[in-house]
Structures are given as structure tokens and as C-alpha cells.
Amino acid sequence: MTTEPQWFKSSYSSNGGNCVEVARNTADGVVPVRDSKDPQGPALVFPAAEFAAFLTALRAGEFGEI
């Protein structure tokens, strides 16, 4: 398994505007998130379980309409 993060954007990010990228295939159980306009800049790092809970809440509409 590779230790380099594989960055991707959401399929909803086709507007070319403000997007974030999320990395997958990290070996240490974390999910890095970065600004797609500044890929060399810093990344926020979340524990995988917490990021999964965030996505579940987002999909359930717990944060209102996006």
C-alpha cells in the first residue's frame, strides 16, 4: 500500500469555485483535507472515524441545506 495520500475532489465540485480535496489511502487512520486552490499549503487532519461521522451527519442533513 502506498503511503502517499491520493487526493480527490467531490463530484459536486465541478463549479471550479471553492473546493476542498480529501485524501484516501493513508496508512495512519487519518483523513487529510486541504484547499484545492492551494495544494502545497497546509492540510487539516481528522481521525477517520470522526470524518466518517461528519459525512454521515452531512448526508442526513444535520447541518441544513448546503
N, C-alpha and C. Protein backbone atom coordinates (compact mmCIF):
# COMPACT_ATOMS: atom_id res chain seq x y z
N MET A 1 0.84 -1.18 0.00
CA MET A 1 0.00 0.00 0.00
C MET A 1 0.88 1.24 0.00
N THR A 2 0.47 2.22 -0.77
CA THR A 2 1.24 3.46 -0.84
C THR A 2 1.03 4.30 0.42
N THR A 3 2.06 5.04 0.79
CA THR A 3 1.94 5.92 1.94
C THR A 3 1.63 7.36 1.50
N GLU A 4 1.72 7.62 0.20
CA GLU A 4 1.38 8.94 -0.31
C GLU A 4 -0.13 9.09 -0.40
N PRO A 5 -0.68 10.19 0.12
CA PRO A 5 -2.13 10.38 0.01
C PRO A 5 -2.55 10.51 -1.45
N GLN A 6 -3.70 9.96 -1.75
CA GLN A 6 -4.30 10.10 -3.09
C GLN A 6 -5.44 11.10 -2.96
N TRP A 7 -5.21 12.33 -3.42
CA TRP A 7 -6.15 13.42 -3.25
C TRP A 7 -7.26 13.36 -4.29
N PHE A 8 -8.48 13.74 -3.90
CA PHE A 8 -9.59 13.82 -4.84
C PHE A 8 -10.56 14.90 -4.38
N LYS A 9 -11.35 15.40 -5.33
CA LYS A 9 -12.40 16.37 -5.05
C LYS A 9 -13.75 15.67 -5.17
N SER A 10 -14.72 16.25 -4.54
CA SER A 10 -16.08 15.74 -4.65
C SER A 10 -16.58 15.87 -6.08
N SER A 11 -17.46 14.98 -6.48
CA SER A 11 -18.08 15.08 -7.80
C SER A 11 -18.95 16.33 -7.91
N TYR A 12 -19.29 16.95 -6.79
CA TYR A 12 -20.08 18.18 -6.78
C TYR A 12 -19.22 19.42 -6.99
N SER A 13 -17.94 19.28 -7.15
CA SER A 13 -17.04 20.43 -7.23
C SER A 13 -16.78 20.89 -8.66
N SER A 14 -17.66 20.59 -9.57
CA SER A 14 -17.45 20.96 -10.97
C SER A 14 -17.63 22.45 -11.23
N ASN A 15 -18.01 23.21 -10.21
CA ASN A 15 -18.22 24.65 -10.42
C ASN A 15 -16.91 25.42 -10.52
N GLY A 16 -15.78 24.82 -10.20
CA GLY A 16 -14.49 25.48 -10.29
C GLY A 16 -14.26 26.52 -9.20
N GLY A 17 -15.12 26.57 -8.24
CA GLY A 17 -15.01 27.58 -7.18
C GLY A 17 -14.28 27.07 -5.97
N ASN A 18 -14.86 27.32 -4.84
CA ASN A 18 -14.25 26.96 -3.56
C ASN A 18 -14.42 25.48 -3.29
N CYS A 19 -13.35 24.74 -3.39
CA CYS A 19 -13.41 23.29 -3.21
C CYS A 19 -12.36 22.84 -2.20
N VAL A 20 -12.65 21.72 -1.62
CA VAL A 20 -11.66 21.06 -0.78
C VAL A 20 -11.33 19.72 -1.42
N GLU A 21 -10.15 19.23 -1.11
CA GLU A 21 -9.74 17.90 -1.54
C GLU A 21 -9.56 17.05 -0.29
N VAL A 22 -9.89 15.80 -0.43
CA VAL A 22 -9.75 14.83 0.66
C VAL A 22 -8.81 13.75 0.16
N ALA A 23 -7.97 13.25 1.04
CA ALA A 23 -7.03 12.19 0.64
C ALA A 23 -7.53 10.85 1.14
N ARG A 24 -7.30 9.85 0.34
CA ARG A 24 -7.62 8.48 0.73
C ARG A 24 -6.33 7.66 0.73
N ASN A 25 -6.43 6.46 1.24
CA ASN A 25 -5.30 5.53 1.28
C ASN A 25 -4.16 6.03 2.15
N THR A 26 -4.49 6.65 3.25
CA THR A 26 -3.44 7.00 4.20
C THR A 26 -3.27 5.82 5.14
N ALA A 27 -2.05 5.53 5.49
CA ALA A 27 -1.75 4.35 6.28
C ALA A 27 -1.98 4.54 7.77
N ASP A 28 -2.18 5.77 8.22
CA ASP A 28 -2.23 6.02 9.65
C ASP A 28 -3.62 6.28 10.22
N GLY A 29 -4.68 5.98 9.48
CA GLY A 29 -6.03 6.08 10.01
C GLY A 29 -6.56 7.49 10.15
N VAL A 30 -6.01 8.42 9.36
CA VAL A 30 -6.49 9.79 9.39
C VAL A 30 -6.96 10.19 8.00
N VAL A 31 -7.75 11.27 7.95
CA VAL A 31 -8.24 11.79 6.68
C VAL A 31 -7.75 13.23 6.55
N PRO A 32 -6.79 13.48 5.67
CA PRO A 32 -6.33 14.84 5.43
C PRO A 32 -7.31 15.58 4.50
N VAL A 33 -7.50 16.87 4.76
CA VAL A 33 -8.37 17.71 3.95
C VAL A 33 -7.59 19.00 3.66
N ARG A 34 -7.62 19.45 2.40
CA ARG A 34 -6.89 20.66 2.04
C ARG A 34 -7.69 21.50 1.05
N ASP A 35 -7.27 22.74 0.88
CA ASP A 35 -7.86 23.66 -0.08
C ASP A 35 -7.35 23.28 -1.47
N SER A 36 -8.25 23.02 -2.41
CA SER A 36 -7.83 22.59 -3.74
C SER A 36 -7.09 23.69 -4.50
N LYS A 37 -7.30 24.94 -4.13
CA LYS A 37 -6.60 26.03 -4.80
C LYS A 37 -5.17 26.22 -4.28
N ASP A 38 -4.84 25.56 -3.18
CA ASP A 38 -3.51 25.68 -2.58
C ASP A 38 -2.99 24.29 -2.18
N PRO A 39 -2.74 23.42 -3.17
CA PRO A 39 -2.37 22.04 -2.85
C PRO A 39 -1.05 21.90 -2.11
N GLN A 40 -0.20 22.91 -2.16
CA GLN A 40 1.06 22.84 -1.42
C GLN A 40 0.91 23.42 -0.01
N GLY A 41 -0.25 23.96 0.28
CA GLY A 41 -0.50 24.56 1.59
C GLY A 41 -0.79 23.50 2.64
N PRO A 42 -1.19 23.95 3.81
CA PRO A 42 -1.43 23.01 4.91
C PRO A 42 -2.69 22.18 4.69
N ALA A 43 -2.75 21.07 5.38
CA ALA A 43 -3.94 20.21 5.37
C ALA A 43 -4.41 20.04 6.81
N LEU A 44 -5.71 20.02 6.98
CA LEU A 44 -6.29 19.64 8.26
C LEU A 44 -6.35 18.13 8.30
N VAL A 45 -6.12 17.54 9.45
CA VAL A 45 -6.10 16.09 9.57
C VAL A 45 -7.11 15.66 10.62
N PHE A 46 -8.02 14.78 10.22
CA PHE A 46 -9.07 14.29 11.11
C PHE A 46 -8.96 12.79 11.30
N PRO A 47 -9.24 12.28 12.48
CA PRO A 47 -9.32 10.83 12.65
C PRO A 47 -10.40 10.27 11.72
N ALA A 48 -10.14 9.14 11.12
CA ALA A 48 -11.05 8.58 10.13
C ALA A 48 -12.46 8.36 10.67
N ALA A 49 -12.59 7.91 11.90
CA ALA A 49 -13.92 7.66 12.47
C ALA A 49 -14.71 8.96 12.61
N GLU A 50 -14.04 10.03 13.03
CA GLU A 50 -14.73 11.32 13.16
C GLU A 50 -15.12 11.88 11.79
N PHE A 51 -14.27 11.71 10.80
CA PHE A 51 -14.60 12.19 9.46
C PHE A 51 -15.78 11.41 8.89
N ALA A 52 -15.82 10.12 9.13
CA ALA A 52 -16.95 9.30 8.68
C ALA A 52 -18.25 9.75 9.36
N ALA A 53 -18.17 10.07 10.65
CA ALA A 53 -19.36 10.56 11.37
C ALA A 53 -19.81 11.90 10.80
N PHE A 54 -18.87 12.77 10.46
CA PHE A 54 -19.19 14.05 9.84
C PHE A 54 -19.92 13.84 8.52
N LEU A 55 -19.42 12.95 7.67
CA LEU A 55 -20.07 12.68 6.39
C LEU A 55 -21.47 12.11 6.57
N THR A 56 -21.63 11.23 7.54
CA THR A 56 -22.95 10.66 7.83
C THR A 56 -23.93 11.77 8.22
N ALA A 57 -23.49 12.66 9.10
CA ALA A 57 -24.35 13.78 9.54
C ALA A 57 -24.65 14.72 8.37
N LEU A 58 -23.67 14.97 7.53
CA LEU A 58 -23.85 15.84 6.38
C LEU A 58 -24.90 15.27 5.44
N ARG A 59 -24.78 13.97 5.14
CA ARG A 59 -25.74 13.31 4.25
C ARG A 59 -27.14 13.26 4.85
N ALA A 60 -27.23 13.24 6.16
CA ALA A 60 -28.53 13.19 6.84
C ALA A 60 -29.16 14.58 6.95
N GLY A 61 -28.45 15.60 6.51
CA GLY A 61 -28.98 16.95 6.54
C GLY A 61 -28.90 17.63 7.90
N GLU A 62 -28.05 17.14 8.77
CA GLU A 62 -27.96 17.71 10.11
C GLU A 62 -27.39 19.13 10.15
N PHE A 63 -26.80 19.58 9.07
CA PHE A 63 -26.21 20.91 9.01
C PHE A 63 -27.04 21.86 8.17
N GLY A 64 -28.24 21.46 7.83
CA GLY A 64 -29.10 22.27 6.98
C GLY A 64 -28.80 22.01 5.52
N GLU A 65 -29.44 22.79 4.68
CA GLU A 65 -29.26 22.64 3.25
C GLU A 65 -27.94 23.26 2.83
N ILE A 66 -27.23 22.55 1.99
CA ILE A 66 -25.93 23.04 1.52
C ILE A 66 -26.05 23.48 0.09
